[in-house]
Amino acid sequence: MVQFDWQIVETAEYSHDTAPSFVTLTTRSYLTITGQAADRTRDPEFQKRADVVKAVAEKISRGPDAGIMIDRYRSYRPYQLQAVWSGGDTIEDRHTFKLWVKQPLFVKPEYARQALTQLDLGELGEQVAFENLAEGTEIQSFSATPLTNTSQAVQTLTDAVSERGLKPLSTDSHREVYIDGYGPNVAVLLRYAIDPDTGQIDEGRMAVN
């Protein structure tokens, strides 16, 4: 059994609830890779890049067992894949993606470089970056099916933003968190970035990390 499992410890942050909730996520380290996918999560270009960045995350998570001597290492479940989609006014119009996989605080860039060297993933491996990023404050809703313009999660968040007087920070992008794994027909936790100082945010339904 791993020492840290985000599926158990961070259930509010990675919620399966369809009702709107909120997260405020500060700067953390991520493995990232970018691409274009005309067919979104069903597109081979998305799948290839997702496989690559997840392979690196999995290799790092094995730490000493993979020959990567991580200072203050403790075993953990690798974090799930997420994607920021952009480039259009609606969900289905957004075909530019940036994949993120969160890393524990003790993971440093040199450990990612070691994992990449071991895996030898070719040109796609060379595109994997190690970045410090913050999601900020977001409103979220779970969808049991892949997102479309008419998905209930989209309508739920659209209504919540309007009713609560919230201010979206972008009109042409959104975040998808694949908390049950990734693939062409998977569930999605949908997130919209919002201004934390505008509108009614329910602090009782806020996860902070």
Protein backbone atom coordinates (compact mmCIF):
# COMPACT_ATOMS: atom_id res chain seq x y z
CA MET A 1 0.00 0.00 0.00
CA VAL A 2 1.32 3.45 -0.92
CA GLN A 3 2.03 5.99 1.80
CA PHE A 4 0.07 8.74 0.04
CA ASP A 5 -3.00 8.20 -2.14
CA TRP A 6 -4.67 11.30 -3.58
CA GLN A 7 -7.82 9.27 -4.28
CA ILE A 8 -8.26 8.90 -0.52
CA VAL A 9 -6.73 12.10 0.87
CA GLU A 10 -7.92 14.67 -1.69
CA THR A 11 -11.51 13.61 -2.41
CA ALA A 12 -12.89 17.17 -2.25
CA GLU A 13 -10.31 18.43 -4.72
CA TYR A 14 -10.97 15.53 -7.09
CA SER A 15 -14.72 15.26 -6.60
CA HIS A 16 -17.27 12.97 -8.28
CA ASP A 17 -20.06 15.37 -7.28
CA THR A 18 -22.14 16.90 -10.06
CA ALA A 19 -23.13 19.82 -7.82
CA PRO A 20 -20.81 22.82 -8.17
CA SER A 21 -17.87 23.06 -5.78
CA PHE A 22 -14.68 25.12 -5.67
CA VAL A 23 -10.92 24.64 -5.49
CA THR A 24 -8.05 27.03 -4.84
CA LEU A 25 -4.80 25.42 -5.91
CA THR A 26 -1.48 27.12 -5.29
CA THR A 27 1.79 26.77 -7.19
CA ARG A 28 2.95 23.17 -7.53
CA SER A 29 5.24 21.24 -9.87
CA TYR A 30 3.84 19.54 -12.96
CA LEU A 31 5.00 17.46 -15.89
CA THR A 32 3.51 19.06 -19.01
CA ILE A 33 3.26 18.52 -22.74
CA THR A 34 1.24 20.39 -25.39
CA GLY A 35 -0.45 19.46 -28.64
CA GLN A 36 -3.37 19.76 -31.06
CA ALA A 37 -6.23 17.28 -31.25
CA ALA A 38 -8.97 17.74 -33.84
CA ASP A 39 -10.96 14.90 -32.28
CA ARG A 40 -10.14 15.97 -28.71
CA THR A 41 -9.63 13.03 -26.29
CA ARG A 42 -10.37 10.51 -29.06
CA ASP A 43 -7.54 11.89 -31.19
CA PRO A 44 -4.37 9.76 -31.50
CA GLU A 45 -2.26 12.88 -30.95
CA PHE A 46 -3.87 13.39 -27.55
CA GLN A 47 -3.50 9.72 -26.63
CA LYS A 48 0.19 9.58 -27.61
CA ARG A 49 1.10 12.61 -25.54
CA ALA A 50 -1.00 11.44 -22.62
CA ASP A 51 0.77 8.06 -22.68
CA VAL A 52 4.19 9.75 -22.70
CA VAL A 53 3.64 12.17 -19.82
CA LYS A 54 1.94 9.50 -17.71
CA ALA A 55 4.82 7.09 -18.35
CA VAL A 56 7.26 9.68 -17.01
CA ALA A 57 5.07 10.31 -13.96
CA GLU A 58 4.82 6.58 -13.27
CA LYS A 59 8.59 6.12 -13.57
CA ILE A 60 9.27 8.97 -11.13
CA SER A 61 6.72 7.60 -8.65
CA ARG A 62 8.70 4.37 -8.35
CA GLY A 63 11.65 6.33 -6.97
CA PRO A 64 14.44 4.04 -5.69
CA ASP A 65 12.79 0.99 -7.26
CA ALA A 66 13.39 2.68 -10.64
CA GLY A 67 16.92 3.75 -9.75
CA ILE A 68 15.86 7.34 -9.06
CA MET A 69 17.20 8.28 -5.64
CA ILE A 70 14.72 10.92 -4.50
CA ASP A 71 15.54 12.84 -1.34
CA ARG A 72 12.79 12.47 1.34
CA TYR A 73 10.95 10.01 -0.92
CA ARG A 74 7.79 8.30 0.25
CA SER A 75 5.61 6.06 -1.87
CA TYR A 76 2.57 7.60 -3.55
CA ARG A 77 -0.07 6.99 -6.18
CA PRO A 78 0.85 8.97 -9.33
CA TYR A 79 -1.52 11.86 -9.88
CA GLN A 80 -4.15 11.75 -12.58
CA LEU A 81 -3.90 13.42 -15.97
CA GLN A 82 -5.51 16.78 -16.59
CA ALA A 83 -5.75 18.98 -19.67
CA VAL A 84 -6.31 22.66 -20.29
CA TRP A 85 -8.19 22.97 -23.58
CA SER A 86 -8.22 26.29 -25.46
CA GLY A 87 -8.79 27.96 -28.80
CA GLY A 88 -12.56 28.27 -29.18
CA ASP A 89 -15.74 29.72 -27.75
CA THR A 90 -17.28 26.33 -26.89
CA ILE A 91 -16.06 23.01 -25.48
CA GLU A 92 -16.16 21.26 -28.84
CA ASP A 93 -14.28 24.12 -30.57
CA ARG A 94 -11.22 23.79 -28.32
CA HIS A 95 -8.54 21.61 -29.88
CA THR A 96 -5.30 22.99 -28.42
CA PHE A 97 -4.36 21.21 -25.21
CA LYS A 98 -1.76 21.31 -22.48
CA LEU A 99 -1.49 18.18 -20.36
CA TRP A 100 -0.54 18.52 -16.69
CA VAL A 101 0.42 15.79 -14.19
CA LYS A 102 1.01 17.06 -10.66
CA GLN A 103 4.15 15.99 -8.81
CA PRO A 104 4.69 15.71 -5.03
CA LEU A 105 6.66 18.47 -3.35
CA PHE A 106 9.79 16.32 -3.06
CA VAL A 107 10.02 15.73 -6.84
CA LYS A 108 12.59 17.99 -8.50
CA PRO A 109 13.43 18.62 -12.18
CA GLU A 110 16.50 16.37 -12.05
CA TYR A 111 14.33 13.38 -11.16
CA ALA A 112 12.18 14.03 -14.22
CA ARG A 113 15.32 14.19 -16.36
CA GLN A 114 16.48 10.85 -14.96
CA ALA A 115 13.12 9.26 -15.74
CA LEU A 116 13.15 10.63 -19.28
CA THR A 117 16.67 9.33 -19.85
CA GLN A 118 15.68 5.86 -18.67
CA LEU A 119 12.50 5.73 -20.76
CA ASP A 120 14.05 7.06 -24.01
CA LEU A 121 10.70 8.27 -25.42
CA GLY A 122 12.12 9.90 -28.54
CA GLU A 123 10.85 13.21 -29.89
CA LEU A 124 7.75 13.24 -27.71
CA GLY A 125 9.86 12.66 -24.63
CA GLU A 126 11.88 15.74 -25.53
CA GLN A 127 8.65 17.78 -25.41
CA VAL A 128 7.90 16.92 -21.78
CA ALA A 129 8.57 19.88 -19.48
CA PHE A 130 8.80 20.29 -15.70
CA GLU A 131 6.99 23.47 -14.68
CA ASN A 132 5.82 25.29 -11.55
CA LEU A 133 2.20 26.29 -12.12
CA ALA A 134 -0.84 27.43 -10.14
CA GLU A 135 -4.42 26.61 -11.09
CA GLY A 136 -5.79 29.41 -8.92
CA THR A 137 -9.47 29.41 -7.98
CA GLU A 138 -11.87 27.31 -10.05
CA ILE A 139 -15.46 26.12 -9.98
CA GLN A 140 -15.97 22.44 -10.85
CA SER A 141 -18.60 19.82 -11.69
CA PHE A 142 -18.26 16.11 -12.51
CA SER A 143 -19.42 14.54 -15.77
CA ALA A 144 -19.71 10.75 -16.03
CA THR A 145 -19.23 10.97 -19.81
CA PRO A 146 -16.85 12.88 -22.15
CA LEU A 147 -17.71 16.54 -22.48
CA THR A 148 -19.76 18.07 -25.27
CA ASN A 149 -21.35 21.49 -25.58
CA THR A 150 -24.60 20.05 -24.17
CA SER A 151 -23.13 18.07 -21.26
CA GLN A 152 -24.91 18.56 -17.95
CA ALA A 153 -21.66 19.63 -16.27
CA VAL A 154 -21.29 22.47 -18.78
CA GLN A 155 -24.84 23.65 -18.10
CA THR A 156 -24.38 23.25 -14.34
CA LEU A 157 -21.32 25.49 -14.28
CA THR A 158 -22.80 28.00 -16.74
CA ASP A 159 -25.85 28.36 -14.49
CA ALA A 160 -23.74 28.57 -11.31
CA VAL A 161 -21.51 31.29 -12.74
CA SER A 162 -24.55 33.36 -13.72
CA GLU A 163 -26.59 32.81 -10.54
CA ARG A 164 -23.64 33.49 -8.22
CA GLY A 165 -22.31 36.51 -10.11
CA LEU A 166 -18.95 34.83 -10.68
CA LYS A 167 -16.37 36.19 -13.12
CA PRO A 168 -14.72 33.65 -15.43
CA LEU A 169 -11.09 34.42 -16.20
CA SER A 170 -11.31 32.99 -19.72
CA THR A 171 -14.00 32.63 -22.36
CA ASP A 172 -12.02 30.34 -24.65
CA SER A 173 -10.51 27.70 -22.33
CA HIS A 174 -11.39 25.20 -19.61
CA ARG A 175 -9.76 22.42 -17.60
CA GLU A 176 -10.61 18.71 -17.71
CA VAL A 177 -9.37 16.43 -14.92
CA TYR A 178 -9.49 12.71 -15.78
CA ILE A 179 -9.90 11.41 -12.25
CA ASP A 180 -10.96 7.92 -13.36
CA GLY A 181 -8.24 7.49 -15.99
CA TYR A 182 -7.95 8.85 -19.51
CA GLY A 183 -9.12 7.53 -22.87
CA PRO A 184 -11.66 8.22 -25.60
CA ASN A 185 -14.77 7.62 -23.45
CA VAL A 186 -13.94 8.62 -19.89
CA ALA A 187 -15.49 10.65 -17.11
CA VAL A 188 -14.32 14.24 -16.65
CA LEU A 189 -14.13 16.71 -13.79
CA LEU A 190 -14.78 20.04 -15.54
CA ARG A 191 -13.23 23.22 -14.11
CA TYR A 192 -13.58 26.90 -15.02
CA ALA A 193 -11.07 29.44 -13.68
CA ILE A 194 -12.79 32.30 -11.83
CA ASP A 195 -11.90 35.55 -10.07
CA PRO A 196 -11.70 34.68 -6.35
CA ASP A 197 -12.84 38.20 -5.38
CA THR A 198 -16.04 38.40 -7.42
CA GLY A 199 -19.42 36.81 -6.75
CA GLN A 200 -20.63 34.25 -4.22
CA ILE A 201 -18.13 31.46 -3.53
CA ASP A 202 -19.26 28.80 -1.06
CA GLU A 203 -16.33 28.47 1.35
CA GLY A 204 -17.96 25.34 2.78
CA ARG A 205 -17.51 23.65 -0.60
CA MET A 206 -13.97 24.89 -1.21
CA ALA A 207 -10.87 22.66 -1.30
CA VAL A 208 -7.55 24.46 -0.81
CA ASN A 209 -4.19 22.87 -1.57
